[in-house]
Amino acid sequence: MKKSTKNFVWASLLLAGGAVLLTAAYRKSQRDAIRFLEDTDMRNSEKIDQMESVDAGLDPAERGLTQLDSAMRAEWVANGFPQTHMEMKELAEKTDVEKNTNYAPNM
């Protein structure tokens, strides 16, 4: 086989291999990309973080919260996170008492 023919075959193989690798990399990047609609994802919406909570008129705990804060509050309540500084202090004291094995109440 002529040298020019061999070079043409090798160049064609390299080009085809490169195209396959580029296609695979592109598909992987598209598969790994997080897809969501910008205007419907609440966490990326400044408008939702400005609007008053829809339950503000019904629930006193919702007054002064935005819709985003209200959604986060709903998650916190569902997961049992403390809502006030007083609850956080009580929880910290309770945890400290449980960790202290030498604790004996004063009688």
N, C-alpha and C. Protein backbone atom coordinates (compact mmCIF):
# COMPACT_ATOMS: atom_id res chain seq x y z
N MET A 1 0.84 -1.17 0.00
CA MET A 1 0.00 0.00 0.00
C MET A 1 0.89 1.24 0.00
N LYS A 2 0.46 2.26 -0.68
CA LYS A 2 1.23 3.48 -0.75
C LYS A 2 1.23 4.19 0.59
N LYS A 3 2.25 4.99 0.79
CA LYS A 3 2.39 5.72 2.05
C LYS A 3 1.26 6.73 2.21
N SER A 4 0.86 7.39 1.16
CA SER A 4 -0.22 8.38 1.24
C SER A 4 -1.55 7.71 1.58
N THR A 5 -1.78 6.51 1.08
CA THR A 5 -3.01 5.78 1.38
C THR A 5 -3.03 5.38 2.85
N LYS A 6 -1.88 4.91 3.37
CA LYS A 6 -1.79 4.55 4.79
C LYS A 6 -2.05 5.77 5.67
N ASN A 7 -1.45 6.89 5.32
CA ASN A 7 -1.67 8.11 6.10
C ASN A 7 -3.14 8.53 6.07
N PHE A 8 -3.77 8.37 4.92
CA PHE A 8 -5.19 8.72 4.81
C PHE A 8 -6.04 7.81 5.70
N VAL A 9 -5.74 6.52 5.71
CA VAL A 9 -6.48 5.57 6.55
C VAL A 9 -6.27 5.89 8.02
N TRP A 10 -5.04 6.14 8.42
CA TRP A 10 -4.76 6.47 9.83
C TRP A 10 -5.45 7.77 10.25
N ALA A 11 -5.41 8.75 9.40
CA ALA A 11 -6.07 10.02 9.71
C ALA A 11 -7.58 9.83 9.83
N SER A 12 -8.15 9.01 8.96
CA SER A 12 -9.59 8.73 9.03
C SER A 12 -9.94 8.01 10.33
N LEU A 13 -9.13 7.04 10.73
CA LEU A 13 -9.36 6.31 11.99
C LEU A 13 -9.26 7.25 13.19
N LEU A 14 -8.24 8.10 13.20
CA LEU A 14 -8.08 9.04 14.30
C LEU A 14 -9.25 10.03 14.36
N LEU A 15 -9.68 10.50 13.22
CA LEU A 15 -10.80 11.43 13.18
C LEU A 15 -12.09 10.76 13.67
N ALA A 16 -12.33 9.53 13.25
CA ALA A 16 -13.53 8.81 13.68
C ALA A 16 -13.47 8.54 15.19
N GLY A 17 -12.30 8.15 15.69
CA GLY A 17 -12.15 7.91 17.13
C GLY A 17 -12.36 9.17 17.95
N GLY A 18 -11.83 10.27 17.46
CA GLY A 18 -12.03 11.55 18.15
C GLY A 18 -13.49 11.95 18.18
N ALA A 19 -14.19 11.71 17.07
CA ALA A 19 -15.62 12.04 17.01
C ALA A 19 -16.40 11.19 18.00
N VAL A 20 -16.05 9.92 18.12
CA VAL A 20 -16.73 9.04 19.08
C VAL A 20 -16.47 9.51 20.51
N LEU A 21 -15.23 9.86 20.82
CA LEU A 21 -14.91 10.34 22.17
C LEU A 21 -15.62 11.65 22.49
N LEU A 22 -15.64 12.57 21.54
CA LEU A 22 -16.35 13.83 21.76
C LEU A 22 -17.85 13.62 21.97
N THR A 23 -18.43 12.73 21.19
CA THR A 23 -19.85 12.43 21.33
C THR A 23 -20.14 11.84 22.70
N ALA A 24 -19.30 10.92 23.16
CA ALA A 24 -19.49 10.30 24.47
C ALA A 24 -19.35 11.33 25.59
N ALA A 25 -18.37 12.21 25.47
CA ALA A 25 -18.17 13.24 26.50
C ALA A 25 -19.35 14.21 26.52
N TYR A 26 -19.86 14.57 25.37
CA TYR A 26 -21.01 15.49 25.31
C TYR A 26 -22.24 14.84 25.94
N ARG A 27 -22.49 13.59 25.62
CA ARG A 27 -23.65 12.90 26.20
C ARG A 27 -23.53 12.79 27.71
N LYS A 28 -22.33 12.51 28.21
CA LYS A 28 -22.12 12.41 29.65
C LYS A 28 -22.35 13.75 30.33
N SER A 29 -21.88 14.82 29.72
CA SER A 29 -22.08 16.14 30.32
C SER A 29 -23.55 16.52 30.33
N GLN A 30 -24.29 16.14 29.30
CA GLN A 30 -25.72 16.42 29.27
C GLN A 30 -26.48 15.58 30.28
N ARG A 31 -26.05 14.36 30.50
CA ARG A 31 -26.70 13.47 31.46
C ARG A 31 -26.44 13.94 32.88
N ASP A 32 -25.25 14.44 33.17
CA ASP A 32 -24.89 14.86 34.52
C ASP A 32 -25.41 16.25 34.85
N ALA A 33 -25.82 17.01 33.86
CA ALA A 33 -26.28 18.38 34.11
C ALA A 33 -27.62 18.34 34.84
N ILE A 34 -27.76 19.21 35.83
CA ILE A 34 -29.03 19.31 36.55
C ILE A 34 -29.95 20.18 35.72
N ARG A 35 -31.11 19.64 35.43
CA ARG A 35 -32.03 20.37 34.57
C ARG A 35 -33.24 20.80 35.39
N PHE A 36 -33.55 22.05 35.33
CA PHE A 36 -34.75 22.59 35.94
C PHE A 36 -35.12 23.87 35.23
N LEU A 37 -36.35 24.24 35.35
CA LEU A 37 -36.80 25.49 34.75
C LEU A 37 -36.48 26.62 35.71
N GLU A 38 -35.75 27.60 35.25
CA GLU A 38 -35.31 28.70 36.11
C GLU A 38 -36.46 29.40 36.80
N ASP A 39 -37.55 29.61 36.09
CA ASP A 39 -38.64 30.40 36.65
C ASP A 39 -39.55 29.60 37.58
N THR A 40 -39.41 28.28 37.63
CA THR A 40 -40.27 27.50 38.51
C THR A 40 -39.53 26.96 39.71
N ASP A 41 -38.22 27.09 39.76
CA ASP A 41 -37.46 26.62 40.91
C ASP A 41 -37.50 27.71 41.98
N MET A 42 -38.14 27.42 43.10
CA MET A 42 -38.38 28.42 44.13
C MET A 42 -37.09 28.99 44.71
N ARG A 43 -36.05 28.17 44.82
CA ARG A 43 -34.82 28.64 45.45
C ARG A 43 -34.10 29.69 44.63
N ASN A 44 -34.36 29.75 43.33
CA ASN A 44 -33.67 30.72 42.47
C ASN A 44 -34.53 31.93 42.16
N SER A 45 -35.69 32.03 42.78
CA SER A 45 -36.62 33.10 42.45
C SER A 45 -36.54 34.22 43.48
N GLU A 46 -36.13 35.39 43.02
CA GLU A 46 -36.12 36.55 43.91
C GLU A 46 -37.54 37.04 44.17
N LYS A 47 -38.43 36.81 43.23
CA LYS A 47 -39.81 37.24 43.38
C LYS A 47 -40.47 36.52 44.55
N ILE A 48 -40.25 35.23 44.68
CA ILE A 48 -40.83 34.44 45.77
C ILE A 48 -40.27 34.90 47.11
N ASP A 49 -39.04 35.35 47.12
CA ASP A 49 -38.42 35.80 48.37
C ASP A 49 -38.86 37.22 48.74
N GLN A 50 -39.63 37.88 47.89
CA GLN A 50 -40.14 39.21 48.19
C GLN A 50 -41.63 39.20 48.54
N MET A 51 -42.36 38.20 48.05
CA MET A 51 -43.81 38.15 48.26
C MET A 51 -44.14 37.62 49.65
N GLU A 52 -45.18 38.18 50.25
CA GLU A 52 -45.60 37.76 51.58
C GLU A 52 -46.18 36.35 51.53
N SER A 53 -46.02 35.62 52.61
CA SER A 53 -46.55 34.27 52.71
C SER A 53 -48.06 34.26 52.50
N VAL A 54 -48.55 33.24 51.81
CA VAL A 54 -49.98 33.16 51.54
C VAL A 54 -50.78 32.87 52.81
N ASP A 55 -50.15 32.28 53.81
CA ASP A 55 -50.83 31.95 55.06
C ASP A 55 -50.66 33.03 56.12
N ALA A 56 -50.12 34.17 55.77
CA ALA A 56 -49.84 35.22 56.76
C ALA A 56 -51.12 35.71 57.44
N GLY A 57 -52.22 35.75 56.74
CA GLY A 57 -53.47 36.20 57.33
C GLY A 57 -54.13 35.16 58.21
N LEU A 58 -53.78 33.90 58.03
CA LEU A 58 -54.42 32.82 58.77
C LEU A 58 -53.61 32.34 59.97
N ASP A 59 -52.30 32.24 59.80
CA ASP A 59 -51.43 31.68 60.83
C ASP A 59 -50.55 32.80 61.40
N PRO A 60 -50.63 33.07 62.70
CA PRO A 60 -49.80 34.13 63.29
C PRO A 60 -48.30 33.86 63.15
N ALA A 61 -47.91 32.60 63.09
CA ALA A 61 -46.49 32.27 62.95
C ALA A 61 -45.96 32.61 61.56
N GLU A 62 -46.85 32.76 60.59
CA GLU A 62 -46.45 33.06 59.22
C GLU A 62 -46.33 34.56 58.96
N ARG A 63 -46.79 35.39 59.87
CA ARG A 63 -46.75 36.84 59.65
C ARG A 63 -45.30 37.31 59.57
N GLY A 64 -45.03 38.11 58.57
CA GLY A 64 -43.69 38.65 58.39
C GLY A 64 -42.77 37.74 57.59
N LEU A 65 -43.25 36.57 57.18
CA LEU A 65 -42.43 35.65 56.40
C LEU A 65 -42.73 35.81 54.92
N THR A 66 -41.72 35.57 54.11
CA THR A 66 -41.94 35.54 52.67
C THR A 66 -42.39 34.13 52.29
N GLN A 67 -42.76 33.94 51.03
CA GLN A 67 -43.19 32.61 50.59
C GLN A 67 -42.04 31.61 50.68
N LEU A 68 -40.82 32.06 50.37
CA LEU A 68 -39.67 31.17 50.48
C LEU A 68 -39.42 30.79 51.94
N ASP A 69 -39.49 31.78 52.84
CA ASP A 69 -39.32 31.50 54.26
C ASP A 69 -40.41 30.56 54.77
N SER A 70 -41.62 30.75 54.28
CA SER A 70 -42.73 29.90 54.69
C SER A 70 -42.50 28.45 54.26
N ALA A 71 -41.99 28.26 53.04
CA ALA A 71 -41.70 26.90 52.57
C ALA A 71 -40.59 26.27 53.40
N MET A 72 -39.55 27.04 53.71
CA MET A 72 -38.46 26.52 54.53
C MET A 72 -38.96 26.21 55.94
N ARG A 73 -39.83 27.07 56.48
CA ARG A 73 -40.39 26.85 57.82
C ARG A 73 -41.19 25.55 57.83
N ALA A 74 -41.95 25.30 56.77
CA ALA A 74 -42.73 24.07 56.68
C ALA A 74 -41.80 22.85 56.73
N GLU A 75 -40.66 22.92 56.05
CA GLU A 75 -39.69 21.82 56.10
C GLU A 75 -39.11 21.67 57.49
N TRP A 76 -38.78 22.79 58.14
CA TRP A 76 -38.20 22.73 59.48
C TRP A 76 -39.18 22.11 60.46
N VAL A 77 -40.45 22.50 60.37
CA VAL A 77 -41.46 21.94 61.27
C VAL A 77 -41.61 20.45 61.01
N ALA A 78 -41.65 20.06 59.75
CA ALA A 78 -41.81 18.65 59.41
C ALA A 78 -40.63 17.82 59.91
N ASN A 79 -39.43 18.40 59.91
CA ASN A 79 -38.24 17.67 60.34
C ASN A 79 -37.92 17.86 61.81
N GLY A 80 -38.71 18.66 62.52
CA GLY A 80 -38.54 18.81 63.96
C GLY A 80 -37.44 19.76 64.38
N PHE A 81 -37.05 20.70 63.53
CA PHE A 81 -36.04 21.69 63.92
C PHE A 81 -36.66 22.69 64.89
N PRO A 82 -35.90 23.18 65.86
CA PRO A 82 -36.44 24.19 66.77
C PRO A 82 -36.75 25.48 66.03
N GLN A 83 -37.83 26.15 66.45
CA GLN A 83 -38.30 27.34 65.74
C GLN A 83 -37.85 28.64 66.39
N THR A 84 -37.55 28.62 67.69
CA THR A 84 -37.19 29.85 68.39
C THR A 84 -35.85 29.67 69.09
N HIS A 85 -35.27 30.79 69.51
CA HIS A 85 -34.01 30.73 70.24
C HIS A 85 -34.20 30.01 71.57
N MET A 86 -35.37 30.19 72.20
CA MET A 86 -35.64 29.53 73.47
C MET A 86 -35.65 28.01 73.28
N GLU A 87 -36.30 27.54 72.23
CA GLU A 87 -36.32 26.11 71.96
C GLU A 87 -34.92 25.59 71.68
N MET A 88 -34.09 26.38 71.00
CA MET A 88 -32.72 25.96 70.72
C MET A 88 -31.92 25.84 72.01
N LYS A 89 -32.09 26.79 72.94
CA LYS A 89 -31.39 26.73 74.22
C LYS A 89 -31.84 25.53 75.03
N GLU A 90 -33.17 25.28 75.07
CA GLU A 90 -33.68 24.13 75.80
C GLU A 90 -33.14 22.83 75.22
N LEU A 91 -33.08 22.75 73.92
CA LEU A 91 -32.55 21.55 73.27
C LEU A 91 -31.07 21.38 73.58
N ALA A 92 -30.30 22.48 73.59
CA ALA A 92 -28.88 22.40 73.91
C ALA A 92 -28.67 21.96 75.35
N GLU A 93 -29.48 22.50 76.28
CA GLU A 93 -29.36 22.10 77.68
C GLU A 93 -29.73 20.64 77.86
N LYS A 94 -30.78 20.21 77.19
CA LYS A 94 -31.21 18.81 77.28
C LYS A 94 -30.12 17.90 76.74
N THR A 95 -29.49 18.28 75.66
CA THR A 95 -28.43 17.48 75.07
C THR A 95 -27.21 17.44 75.99
N ASP A 96 -26.88 18.57 76.62
CA ASP A 96 -25.75 18.60 77.55
C ASP A 96 -26.01 17.68 78.73
N VAL A 97 -27.22 17.67 79.24
CA VAL A 97 -27.57 16.81 80.38
C VAL A 97 -27.46 15.35 79.97
N GLU A 98 -27.91 15.01 78.77
CA GLU A 98 -27.86 13.63 78.31
C GLU A 98 -26.43 13.17 78.09
N LYS A 99 -25.53 14.06 77.67
CA LYS A 99 -24.14 13.69 77.43
C LYS A 99 -23.35 13.55 78.73
N ASN A 100 -23.74 14.25 79.78
CA ASN A 100 -23.02 14.23 81.05
C ASN A 100 -23.43 12.99 81.83
N THR A 101 -22.54 12.02 81.94
CA THR A 101 -22.88 10.77 82.64
C THR A 101 -22.80 10.93 84.14
N ASN A 102 -22.14 11.96 84.66
CA ASN A 102 -22.02 12.17 86.10
C ASN A 102 -23.14 13.06 86.62
N TYR A 103 -24.13 13.29 85.83
CA TYR A 103 -25.19 14.20 86.23
C TYR A 103 -26.06 13.56 87.30
N ALA A 104 -26.23 14.27 88.38
CA ALA A 104 -27.15 13.83 89.43
C ALA A 104 -27.95 15.05 89.84
N PRO A 105 -29.27 14.99 89.77
CA PRO A 105 -30.07 16.16 90.12
C PRO A 105 -29.91 16.51 91.60
N ASN A 106 -29.95 17.81 91.88
CA ASN A 106 -29.84 18.26 93.27
C ASN A 106 -31.14 17.96 93.99
N MET A 107 -31.00 17.40 95.21
CA MET A 107 -32.20 17.09 95.98
C MET A 107 -32.20 17.81 97.28
